[in-house]
Amino acid sequence: MDGVEIRDDRDAGRLEAVAGGEVLGRIEYFVLDDPAHALVPVHTVVEPAHEGKGIAGSLAREFYALAAREGTVVAPLCPYVVRWAARHPEEAPPADPDVLRAAKRWLAEHPERF
């Protein structure tokens, strides 16, 4: 992924893969505060012209790395991130079931967010 920058837009809840000023793909997420601080990915989107180039996997990897740098956990609700985490357990520790339940409740209570 030469020339692709991955950047976190925390205010918008997006981790974006950008090249030449164009967003090639993103993970949309929210931050959960209770029962624990967690980053919760909900959707992974790669623009059709850029599919098959490893962008989604790079975003998932950086999402977990970002959480690790911040000392927080990931509670994945996005099906792609769930599958990626299952294939990369050394980089993606499993989420606490209580945190996952809280993330699902938050999402159900905020349907307008995604």
N, C-alpha and C. Protein backbone atom coordinates (compact mmCIF):
# COMPACT_ATOMS: atom_id res chain seq x y z
N MET A 1 0.82 -1.18 0.00
CA MET A 1 0.00 0.00 0.00
C MET A 1 0.87 1.25 0.00
N ASP A 2 1.73 1.32 -0.95
CA ASP A 2 2.60 2.48 -1.08
C ASP A 2 1.78 3.75 -1.26
N GLY A 3 2.18 4.78 -0.55
CA GLY A 3 1.53 6.07 -0.70
C GLY A 3 0.20 6.21 0.01
N VAL A 4 -0.19 5.19 0.77
CA VAL A 4 -1.45 5.24 1.50
C VAL A 4 -1.16 5.59 2.96
N GLU A 5 -1.84 6.60 3.43
CA GLU A 5 -1.72 7.03 4.83
C GLU A 5 -2.98 6.60 5.56
N ILE A 6 -2.82 6.08 6.76
CA ILE A 6 -3.98 5.75 7.58
C ILE A 6 -4.04 6.78 8.69
N ARG A 7 -5.19 7.44 8.78
CA ARG A 7 -5.33 8.50 9.79
C ARG A 7 -6.63 8.32 10.56
N ASP A 8 -6.57 8.72 11.82
CA ASP A 8 -7.70 8.61 12.72
C ASP A 8 -8.41 9.95 12.82
N ASP A 9 -9.68 9.97 12.47
CA ASP A 9 -10.52 11.15 12.66
C ASP A 9 -11.46 10.81 13.82
N ARG A 10 -10.95 10.97 15.03
CA ARG A 10 -11.68 10.55 16.22
C ARG A 10 -13.01 11.28 16.35
N ASP A 11 -13.03 12.57 16.04
CA ASP A 11 -14.27 13.34 16.17
C ASP A 11 -15.38 12.78 15.28
N ALA A 12 -15.01 12.32 14.10
CA ALA A 12 -16.00 11.77 13.17
C ALA A 12 -16.19 10.27 13.37
N GLY A 13 -15.30 9.63 14.14
CA GLY A 13 -15.40 8.18 14.34
C GLY A 13 -15.03 7.40 13.09
N ARG A 14 -13.94 7.83 12.45
CA ARG A 14 -13.49 7.15 11.24
C ARG A 14 -11.97 6.97 11.26
N LEU A 15 -11.54 5.78 10.93
CA LEU A 15 -10.14 5.51 10.65
C LEU A 15 -10.09 5.38 9.13
N GLU A 16 -9.32 6.26 8.48
CA GLU A 16 -9.37 6.35 7.03
C GLU A 16 -8.04 6.00 6.38
N ALA A 17 -8.12 5.33 5.24
CA ALA A 17 -6.97 5.09 4.37
C ALA A 17 -7.07 6.13 3.26
N VAL A 18 -6.03 6.97 3.15
CA VAL A 18 -6.07 8.11 2.24
C VAL A 18 -4.84 8.08 1.33
N ALA A 19 -5.06 8.40 0.06
CA ALA A 19 -3.95 8.54 -0.89
C ALA A 19 -4.32 9.65 -1.86
N GLY A 20 -3.41 10.58 -2.06
CA GLY A 20 -3.65 11.66 -3.00
C GLY A 20 -4.89 12.48 -2.67
N GLY A 21 -5.19 12.61 -1.40
CA GLY A 21 -6.35 13.38 -0.98
C GLY A 21 -7.67 12.63 -1.09
N GLU A 22 -7.63 11.39 -1.55
CA GLU A 22 -8.84 10.58 -1.72
C GLU A 22 -8.94 9.54 -0.62
N VAL A 23 -10.12 9.41 -0.01
CA VAL A 23 -10.35 8.36 0.98
C VAL A 23 -10.65 7.07 0.22
N LEU A 24 -9.75 6.10 0.40
CA LEU A 24 -9.88 4.82 -0.29
C LEU A 24 -10.74 3.84 0.48
N GLY A 25 -10.74 3.98 1.79
CA GLY A 25 -11.50 3.08 2.65
C GLY A 25 -11.52 3.62 4.06
N ARG A 26 -12.41 3.05 4.89
CA ARG A 26 -12.52 3.53 6.26
C ARG A 26 -13.14 2.47 7.15
N ILE A 27 -12.85 2.59 8.42
CA ILE A 27 -13.57 1.89 9.46
C ILE A 27 -14.33 2.95 10.23
N GLU A 28 -15.64 2.76 10.33
CA GLU A 28 -16.47 3.66 11.12
C GLU A 28 -16.61 3.05 12.50
N TYR A 29 -16.45 3.87 13.54
CA TYR A 29 -16.43 3.35 14.90
C TYR A 29 -16.95 4.37 15.89
N PHE A 30 -17.15 3.90 17.12
CA PHE A 30 -17.46 4.80 18.23
C PHE A 30 -16.63 4.40 19.42
N VAL A 31 -16.58 5.29 20.39
CA VAL A 31 -15.83 5.05 21.62
C VAL A 31 -16.82 4.74 22.72
N LEU A 32 -16.65 3.62 23.36
CA LEU A 32 -17.49 3.20 24.48
C LEU A 32 -16.76 3.56 25.78
N ASP A 33 -17.48 4.08 26.74
CA ASP A 33 -16.85 4.45 28.01
C ASP A 33 -17.20 3.52 29.16
N ASP A 34 -18.32 2.81 29.06
CA ASP A 34 -18.77 1.99 30.18
C ASP A 34 -19.30 0.67 29.66
N PRO A 35 -18.90 -0.45 30.18
CA PRO A 35 -18.24 -0.70 31.45
C PRO A 35 -16.72 -0.56 31.39
N ALA A 36 -16.19 -0.34 30.20
CA ALA A 36 -14.75 -0.12 30.04
C ALA A 36 -14.56 0.76 28.82
N HIS A 37 -13.44 1.46 28.78
CA HIS A 37 -13.11 2.25 27.60
C HIS A 37 -12.77 1.28 26.47
N ALA A 38 -13.44 1.46 25.34
CA ALA A 38 -13.21 0.56 24.20
C ALA A 38 -13.46 1.30 22.90
N LEU A 39 -12.75 0.87 21.86
CA LEU A 39 -13.01 1.34 20.50
C LEU A 39 -13.88 0.27 19.84
N VAL A 40 -14.97 0.70 19.22
CA VAL A 40 -15.96 -0.24 18.69
C VAL A 40 -16.14 -0.03 17.18
N PRO A 41 -15.48 -0.85 16.36
CA PRO A 41 -15.69 -0.73 14.91
C PRO A 41 -17.04 -1.31 14.52
N VAL A 42 -17.76 -0.56 13.68
CA VAL A 42 -19.10 -0.97 13.27
C VAL A 42 -19.16 -1.33 11.79
N HIS A 43 -18.47 -0.57 10.95
CA HIS A 43 -18.49 -0.82 9.51
C HIS A 43 -17.08 -0.64 8.94
N THR A 44 -16.74 -1.49 7.97
CA THR A 44 -15.54 -1.30 7.17
C THR A 44 -16.00 -1.14 5.73
N VAL A 45 -15.53 -0.08 5.10
CA VAL A 45 -15.92 0.23 3.73
C VAL A 45 -14.66 0.50 2.92
N VAL A 46 -14.54 -0.14 1.78
CA VAL A 46 -13.48 0.16 0.82
C VAL A 46 -14.17 0.55 -0.49
N GLU A 47 -13.74 1.66 -1.04
CA GLU A 47 -14.34 2.12 -2.30
C GLU A 47 -14.11 1.06 -3.37
N PRO A 48 -15.12 0.80 -4.20
CA PRO A 48 -15.04 -0.29 -5.19
C PRO A 48 -13.77 -0.27 -6.05
N ALA A 49 -13.31 0.89 -6.44
CA ALA A 49 -12.11 0.96 -7.30
C ALA A 49 -10.85 0.51 -6.57
N HIS A 50 -10.92 0.35 -5.25
CA HIS A 50 -9.73 0.02 -4.46
C HIS A 50 -9.85 -1.31 -3.73
N GLU A 51 -10.90 -2.06 -4.03
CA GLU A 51 -11.06 -3.37 -3.40
C GLU A 51 -9.96 -4.32 -3.85
N GLY A 52 -9.64 -5.27 -2.99
CA GLY A 52 -8.66 -6.29 -3.33
C GLY A 52 -7.22 -5.85 -3.23
N LYS A 53 -6.97 -4.70 -2.61
CA LYS A 53 -5.61 -4.17 -2.49
C LYS A 53 -5.08 -4.23 -1.06
N GLY A 54 -5.80 -4.90 -0.18
CA GLY A 54 -5.34 -5.03 1.20
C GLY A 54 -5.68 -3.85 2.09
N ILE A 55 -6.53 -2.97 1.63
CA ILE A 55 -6.86 -1.77 2.40
C ILE A 55 -7.64 -2.12 3.67
N ALA A 56 -8.64 -2.98 3.54
CA ALA A 56 -9.46 -3.33 4.71
C ALA A 56 -8.59 -4.00 5.79
N GLY A 57 -7.73 -4.90 5.38
CA GLY A 57 -6.85 -5.56 6.34
C GLY A 57 -5.90 -4.59 7.01
N SER A 58 -5.37 -3.66 6.23
CA SER A 58 -4.47 -2.65 6.81
C SER A 58 -5.21 -1.76 7.79
N LEU A 59 -6.45 -1.42 7.47
CA LEU A 59 -7.24 -0.62 8.41
C LEU A 59 -7.51 -1.38 9.70
N ALA A 60 -7.87 -2.66 9.59
CA ALA A 60 -8.13 -3.46 10.79
C ALA A 60 -6.87 -3.58 11.64
N ARG A 61 -5.74 -3.85 11.00
CA ARG A 61 -4.48 -3.97 11.73
C ARG A 61 -4.15 -2.66 12.46
N GLU A 62 -4.29 -1.54 11.78
CA GLU A 62 -4.00 -0.26 12.41
C GLU A 62 -5.01 0.07 13.49
N PHE A 63 -6.25 -0.36 13.33
CA PHE A 63 -7.26 -0.11 14.36
C PHE A 63 -6.85 -0.79 15.67
N TYR A 64 -6.43 -2.04 15.59
CA TYR A 64 -5.97 -2.75 16.79
C TYR A 64 -4.68 -2.14 17.33
N ALA A 65 -3.80 -1.71 16.46
CA ALA A 65 -2.54 -1.09 16.90
C ALA A 65 -2.84 0.24 17.60
N LEU A 66 -3.77 1.00 17.07
CA LEU A 66 -4.17 2.26 17.69
C LEU A 66 -4.71 2.02 19.09
N ALA A 67 -5.58 1.04 19.22
CA ALA A 67 -6.13 0.70 20.54
C ALA A 67 -5.02 0.29 21.50
N ALA A 68 -4.08 -0.51 21.02
CA ALA A 68 -2.97 -0.95 21.88
C ALA A 68 -2.13 0.23 22.32
N ARG A 69 -1.85 1.17 21.41
CA ARG A 69 -1.06 2.35 21.78
C ARG A 69 -1.78 3.19 22.85
N GLU A 70 -3.10 3.20 22.78
CA GLU A 70 -3.89 3.97 23.74
C GLU A 70 -4.18 3.18 25.02
N GLY A 71 -3.80 1.92 25.04
CA GLY A 71 -4.05 1.10 26.22
C GLY A 71 -5.52 0.77 26.42
N THR A 72 -6.23 0.65 25.31
CA THR A 72 -7.65 0.33 25.38
C THR A 72 -7.94 -0.94 24.60
N VAL A 73 -9.16 -1.39 24.64
CA VAL A 73 -9.54 -2.63 23.96
C VAL A 73 -10.39 -2.32 22.75
N VAL A 74 -10.52 -3.33 21.89
CA VAL A 74 -11.41 -3.25 20.73
C VAL A 74 -12.56 -4.22 20.99
N ALA A 75 -13.77 -3.73 20.76
CA ALA A 75 -14.96 -4.55 20.87
C ALA A 75 -15.61 -4.57 19.48
N PRO A 76 -15.20 -5.48 18.61
CA PRO A 76 -15.63 -5.42 17.22
C PRO A 76 -17.08 -5.86 17.02
N LEU A 77 -17.84 -5.00 16.34
CA LEU A 77 -19.18 -5.34 15.89
C LEU A 77 -19.22 -5.46 14.37
N CYS A 78 -18.22 -4.93 13.71
CA CYS A 78 -18.12 -5.01 12.25
C CYS A 78 -17.77 -6.45 11.85
N PRO A 79 -18.58 -7.08 10.99
CA PRO A 79 -18.29 -8.46 10.60
C PRO A 79 -16.89 -8.65 10.00
N TYR A 80 -16.43 -7.68 9.21
CA TYR A 80 -15.09 -7.82 8.63
C TYR A 80 -14.03 -7.82 9.72
N VAL A 81 -14.12 -6.90 10.66
CA VAL A 81 -13.12 -6.81 11.73
C VAL A 81 -13.17 -8.06 12.60
N VAL A 82 -14.36 -8.59 12.85
CA VAL A 82 -14.49 -9.84 13.62
C VAL A 82 -13.73 -10.96 12.92
N ARG A 83 -13.93 -11.10 11.60
CA ARG A 83 -13.23 -12.15 10.85
C ARG A 83 -11.72 -11.91 10.84
N TRP A 84 -11.30 -10.66 10.65
CA TRP A 84 -9.88 -10.34 10.63
C TRP A 84 -9.25 -10.69 11.98
N ALA A 85 -9.93 -10.33 13.05
CA ALA A 85 -9.40 -10.61 14.40
C ALA A 85 -9.26 -12.11 14.63
N ALA A 86 -10.21 -12.89 14.15
CA ALA A 86 -10.13 -14.35 14.31
C ALA A 86 -8.93 -14.93 13.58
N ARG A 87 -8.55 -14.31 12.45
CA ARG A 87 -7.39 -14.77 11.68
C ARG A 87 -6.06 -14.25 12.22
N HIS A 88 -6.11 -13.24 13.11
CA HIS A 88 -4.89 -12.61 13.63
C HIS A 88 -4.95 -12.47 15.16
N PRO A 89 -5.10 -13.58 15.86
CA PRO A 89 -5.25 -13.49 17.32
C PRO A 89 -4.03 -12.89 18.02
N GLU A 90 -2.86 -12.97 17.39
CA GLU A 90 -1.66 -12.40 18.01
C GLU A 90 -1.70 -10.87 18.00
N GLU A 91 -2.52 -10.28 17.12
CA GLU A 91 -2.64 -8.83 17.04
C GLU A 91 -3.97 -8.32 17.58
N ALA A 92 -4.92 -9.23 17.73
CA ALA A 92 -6.28 -8.83 18.07
C ALA A 92 -6.80 -9.65 19.25
N PRO A 93 -6.52 -9.17 20.47
CA PRO A 93 -7.00 -9.90 21.64
C PRO A 93 -8.52 -9.95 21.66
N PRO A 94 -9.09 -11.04 22.15
CA PRO A 94 -10.54 -11.15 22.20
C PRO A 94 -11.15 -10.11 23.14
N ALA A 95 -12.33 -9.65 22.78
CA ALA A 95 -13.01 -8.65 23.61
C ALA A 95 -13.76 -9.33 24.75
N ASP A 96 -13.83 -8.62 25.85
CA ASP A 96 -14.60 -9.08 27.00
C ASP A 96 -16.08 -9.15 26.61
N PRO A 97 -16.76 -10.25 26.90
CA PRO A 97 -18.18 -10.37 26.54
C PRO A 97 -19.05 -9.26 27.11
N ASP A 98 -18.74 -8.78 28.32
CA ASP A 98 -19.53 -7.69 28.90
C ASP A 98 -19.37 -6.40 28.09
N VAL A 99 -18.17 -6.16 27.61
CA VAL A 99 -17.92 -4.97 26.80
C VAL A 99 -18.64 -5.10 25.47
N LEU A 100 -18.61 -6.27 24.86
CA LEU A 100 -19.34 -6.49 23.61
C LEU A 100 -20.83 -6.27 23.79
N ARG A 101 -21.40 -6.78 24.87
CA ARG A 101 -22.83 -6.58 25.13
C ARG A 101 -23.14 -5.10 25.30
N ALA A 102 -22.30 -4.38 26.03
CA ALA A 102 -22.50 -2.94 26.22
C ALA A 102 -22.40 -2.21 24.89
N ALA A 103 -21.47 -2.61 24.03
CA ALA A 103 -21.32 -1.98 22.71
C ALA A 103 -22.57 -2.21 21.87
N LYS A 104 -23.11 -3.42 21.90
CA LYS A 104 -24.34 -3.72 21.15
C LYS A 104 -25.51 -2.90 21.67
N ARG A 105 -25.60 -2.75 22.99
CA ARG A 105 -26.66 -1.91 23.58
C ARG A 105 -26.52 -0.46 23.12
N TRP A 106 -25.29 0.05 23.18
CA TRP A 106 -25.05 1.44 22.76
C TRP A 106 -25.49 1.63 21.32
N LEU A 107 -25.12 0.72 20.46
CA LEU A 107 -25.46 0.82 19.04
C LEU A 107 -26.98 0.78 18.86
N ALA A 108 -27.66 -0.09 19.57
CA ALA A 108 -29.12 -0.18 19.48
C ALA A 108 -29.79 1.11 19.96
N GLU A 109 -29.18 1.77 20.94
CA GLU A 109 -29.73 3.00 21.49
C GLU A 109 -29.41 4.23 20.64
N HIS A 110 -28.50 4.10 19.70
CA HIS A 110 -28.08 5.22 18.84
C HIS A 110 -28.15 4.82 17.36
N PRO A 111 -29.32 4.42 16.88
CA PRO A 111 -29.40 3.94 15.49
C PRO A 111 -29.08 5.01 14.46
N GLU A 112 -29.21 6.26 14.83
CA GLU A 112 -28.93 7.35 13.90
C GLU A 112 -27.44 7.52 13.63
N ARG A 113 -26.62 6.96 14.48
CA ARG A 113 -25.16 7.16 14.38
C ARG A 113 -24.55 6.48 13.16
N PHE A 114 -25.12 5.34 12.77
CA PHE A 114 -24.52 4.58 11.65
C PHE A 114 -25.56 4.25 10.60
